[in-house]
Amino acid sequence: MDDKSDIFPMKKNLQIVEKHLHKNEKWLRLPEKHIVELESKATAWNTQFLQEMEQLEAVMKELQDFIDKE
């Protein structure tokens, strides 16, 4: 059978989507497990990010105090 993607341009896109759906089928079957894992990683990242932002803000405050002092 000939590939008639020029007649039906969405055919190629649909084939790509179908290919990736098969690869990610396990994720689609158990999304709750993966969502919990993703949320825990996001929480850990957010905690570290907030700590680093606090450190940056402290340095900025020190710099501002130094500039104001001059």
N, C-alpha and C. Protein backbone atom coordinates (compact mmCIF):
# COMPACT_ATOMS: atom_id res chain seq x y z
N MET A 1 0.84 -1.18 0.00
CA MET A 1 0.00 0.00 0.00
C MET A 1 0.89 1.24 0.00
N ASP A 2 0.58 2.15 -0.88
CA ASP A 2 1.37 3.38 -1.00
C ASP A 2 1.03 4.34 0.12
N ASP A 3 2.02 5.10 0.53
CA ASP A 3 1.81 6.14 1.53
C ASP A 3 1.21 7.35 0.83
N LYS A 4 -0.01 7.68 1.16
CA LYS A 4 -0.69 8.79 0.51
C LYS A 4 -0.80 9.97 1.48
N SER A 5 0.32 10.30 2.12
CA SER A 5 0.31 11.39 3.08
C SER A 5 0.10 12.74 2.40
N ASP A 6 0.37 12.80 1.09
CA ASP A 6 0.12 14.06 0.39
C ASP A 6 -1.37 14.28 0.18
N ILE A 7 -2.14 13.19 0.10
CA ILE A 7 -3.59 13.30 -0.03
C ILE A 7 -4.21 13.60 1.33
N PHE A 8 -3.72 12.94 2.35
CA PHE A 8 -4.23 13.12 3.70
C PHE A 8 -3.06 13.58 4.58
N PRO A 9 -2.81 14.90 4.63
CA PRO A 9 -1.61 15.39 5.31
C PRO A 9 -1.54 15.08 6.80
N MET A 10 -2.66 14.85 7.44
CA MET A 10 -2.65 14.55 8.87
C MET A 10 -2.22 13.11 9.15
N LYS A 11 -2.16 12.29 8.11
CA LYS A 11 -1.83 10.88 8.30
C LYS A 11 -0.47 10.71 8.98
N LYS A 12 0.51 11.46 8.52
CA LYS A 12 1.85 11.36 9.09
C LYS A 12 1.83 11.77 10.56
N ASN A 13 1.13 12.85 10.88
CA ASN A 13 1.04 13.29 12.27
C ASN A 13 0.34 12.25 13.13
N LEU A 14 -0.70 11.65 12.62
CA LEU A 14 -1.41 10.62 13.36
C LEU A 14 -0.53 9.39 13.60
N GLN A 15 0.29 9.05 12.61
CA GLN A 15 1.20 7.92 12.78
C GLN A 15 2.23 8.22 13.87
N ILE A 16 2.71 9.44 13.93
CA ILE A 16 3.69 9.82 14.96
C ILE A 16 3.04 9.75 16.34
N VAL A 17 1.83 10.27 16.46
CA VAL A 17 1.12 10.23 17.74
C VAL A 17 0.89 8.79 18.17
N GLU A 18 0.45 7.96 17.24
CA GLU A 18 0.18 6.55 17.56
C GLU A 18 1.46 5.85 18.03
N LYS A 19 2.58 6.13 17.38
CA LYS A 19 3.86 5.53 17.75
C LYS A 19 4.22 5.90 19.19
N HIS A 20 4.07 7.17 19.54
CA HIS A 20 4.43 7.61 20.89
C HIS A 20 3.43 7.13 21.93
N LEU A 21 2.18 6.96 21.55
CA LEU A 21 1.20 6.43 22.49
C LEU A 21 1.56 5.00 22.87
N HIS A 22 2.02 4.22 21.90
CA HIS A 22 2.42 2.84 22.20
C HIS A 22 3.62 2.83 23.14
N LYS A 23 4.56 3.75 22.94
CA LYS A 23 5.74 3.81 23.81
C LYS A 23 5.36 4.20 25.23
N ASN A 24 4.37 5.07 25.37
CA ASN A 24 3.99 5.60 26.68
C ASN A 24 2.75 4.92 27.25
N GLU A 25 2.43 3.76 26.74
CA GLU A 25 1.20 3.09 27.15
C GLU A 25 1.18 2.79 28.64
N LYS A 26 2.32 2.38 29.21
CA LYS A 26 2.36 2.07 30.64
C LYS A 26 2.06 3.32 31.46
N TRP A 27 2.59 4.45 31.04
CA TRP A 27 2.34 5.69 31.76
C TRP A 27 0.86 6.03 31.70
N LEU A 28 0.25 5.81 30.57
CA LEU A 28 -1.17 6.13 30.42
C LEU A 28 -2.05 5.19 31.23
N ARG A 29 -1.60 3.97 31.47
CA ARG A 29 -2.40 3.02 32.24
C ARG A 29 -2.35 3.31 33.73
N LEU A 30 -1.23 3.81 34.22
CA LEU A 30 -1.07 4.07 35.66
C LEU A 30 -0.70 5.53 35.91
N PRO A 31 -1.54 6.47 35.50
CA PRO A 31 -1.15 7.87 35.65
C PRO A 31 -1.06 8.31 37.11
N GLU A 32 -1.85 7.71 38.00
CA GLU A 32 -1.83 8.13 39.40
C GLU A 32 -0.45 7.92 40.01
N LYS A 33 0.13 6.76 39.73
CA LYS A 33 1.47 6.44 40.27
C LYS A 33 2.49 7.46 39.77
N HIS A 34 2.43 7.76 38.50
CA HIS A 34 3.40 8.68 37.91
C HIS A 34 3.14 10.12 38.36
N ILE A 35 1.89 10.47 38.57
CA ILE A 35 1.57 11.81 39.04
C ILE A 35 2.11 12.02 40.45
N VAL A 36 1.96 11.02 41.32
CA VAL A 36 2.48 11.11 42.68
C VAL A 36 4.00 11.26 42.65
N GLU A 37 4.66 10.48 41.80
CA GLU A 37 6.12 10.56 41.68
C GLU A 37 6.55 11.94 41.17
N LEU A 38 5.84 12.44 40.16
CA LEU A 38 6.15 13.75 39.61
C LEU A 38 5.93 14.85 40.65
N GLU A 39 4.84 14.75 41.42
CA GLU A 39 4.57 15.75 42.44
C GLU A 39 5.64 15.74 43.53
N SER A 40 6.11 14.56 43.91
CA SER A 40 7.16 14.50 44.94
C SER A 40 8.46 15.11 44.43
N LYS A 41 8.79 14.86 43.16
CA LYS A 41 9.99 15.47 42.57
C LYS A 41 9.83 16.98 42.48
N ALA A 42 8.63 17.43 42.12
CA ALA A 42 8.38 18.87 42.02
C ALA A 42 8.47 19.54 43.38
N THR A 43 7.97 18.87 44.42
CA THR A 43 8.04 19.41 45.77
C THR A 43 9.50 19.53 46.22
N ALA A 44 10.29 18.50 45.97
CA ALA A 44 11.71 18.54 46.34
C ALA A 44 12.43 19.66 45.59
N TRP A 45 12.14 19.80 44.31
CA TRP A 45 12.76 20.85 43.52
C TRP A 45 12.34 22.22 44.04
N ASN A 46 11.05 22.38 44.34
CA ASN A 46 10.54 23.66 44.80
C ASN A 46 11.18 24.05 46.14
N THR A 47 11.35 23.09 47.03
CA THR A 47 11.97 23.36 48.33
C THR A 47 13.40 23.87 48.14
N GLN A 48 14.15 23.20 47.30
CA GLN A 48 15.53 23.62 47.03
C GLN A 48 15.55 24.99 46.36
N PHE A 49 14.65 25.21 45.41
CA PHE A 49 14.58 26.48 44.70
C PHE A 49 14.28 27.63 45.67
N LEU A 50 13.33 27.41 46.58
CA LEU A 50 12.98 28.46 47.54
C LEU A 50 14.15 28.77 48.47
N GLN A 51 14.90 27.75 48.87
CA GLN A 51 16.08 27.98 49.71
C GLN A 51 17.12 28.82 48.97
N GLU A 52 17.35 28.48 47.71
CA GLU A 52 18.32 29.23 46.91
C GLU A 52 17.85 30.67 46.69
N MET A 53 16.55 30.86 46.51
CA MET A 53 16.01 32.21 46.35
C MET A 53 16.19 33.02 47.63
N GLU A 54 16.00 32.40 48.78
CA GLU A 54 16.21 33.10 50.06
C GLU A 54 17.66 33.53 50.19
N GLN A 55 18.58 32.66 49.79
CA GLN A 55 20.01 33.01 49.84
C GLN A 55 20.31 34.18 48.90
N LEU A 56 19.74 34.13 47.71
CA LEU A 56 19.95 35.20 46.74
C LEU A 56 19.38 36.52 47.26
N GLU A 57 18.19 36.47 47.85
CA GLU A 57 17.58 37.68 48.39
C GLU A 57 18.42 38.24 49.54
N ALA A 58 19.01 37.37 50.35
CA ALA A 58 19.87 37.83 51.45
C ALA A 58 21.10 38.54 50.90
N VAL A 59 21.69 37.98 49.86
CA VAL A 59 22.86 38.61 49.23
C VAL A 59 22.47 39.94 48.62
N MET A 60 21.31 39.99 47.97
CA MET A 60 20.84 41.24 47.37
C MET A 60 20.61 42.30 48.45
N LYS A 61 20.06 41.89 49.58
CA LYS A 61 19.83 42.83 50.69
C LYS A 61 21.15 43.35 51.22
N GLU A 62 22.13 42.47 51.38
CA GLU A 62 23.46 42.90 51.82
C GLU A 62 24.06 43.90 50.85
N LEU A 63 23.92 43.61 49.57
CA LEU A 63 24.45 44.50 48.54
C LEU A 63 23.74 45.85 48.59
N GLN A 64 22.43 45.82 48.74
CA GLN A 64 21.66 47.07 48.82
C GLN A 64 22.07 47.88 50.05
N ASP A 65 22.25 47.21 51.18
CA ASP A 65 22.70 47.90 52.39
C ASP A 65 24.08 48.51 52.19
N PHE A 66 24.96 47.79 51.52
CA PHE A 66 26.31 48.28 51.24
C PHE A 66 26.25 49.52 50.34
N ILE A 67 25.39 49.46 49.32
CA ILE A 67 25.26 50.59 48.39
C ILE A 67 24.67 51.80 49.12
N ASP A 68 23.66 51.58 49.95
CA ASP A 68 23.03 52.67 50.69
C ASP A 68 24.00 53.30 51.68
N LYS A 69 24.89 52.50 52.23
CA LYS A 69 25.86 52.95 53.22
C LYS A 69 26.88 53.90 52.58
N GLU A 70 27.21 53.66 51.34
CA GLU A 70 28.22 54.47 50.63
C GLU A 70 27.71 55.82 50.32
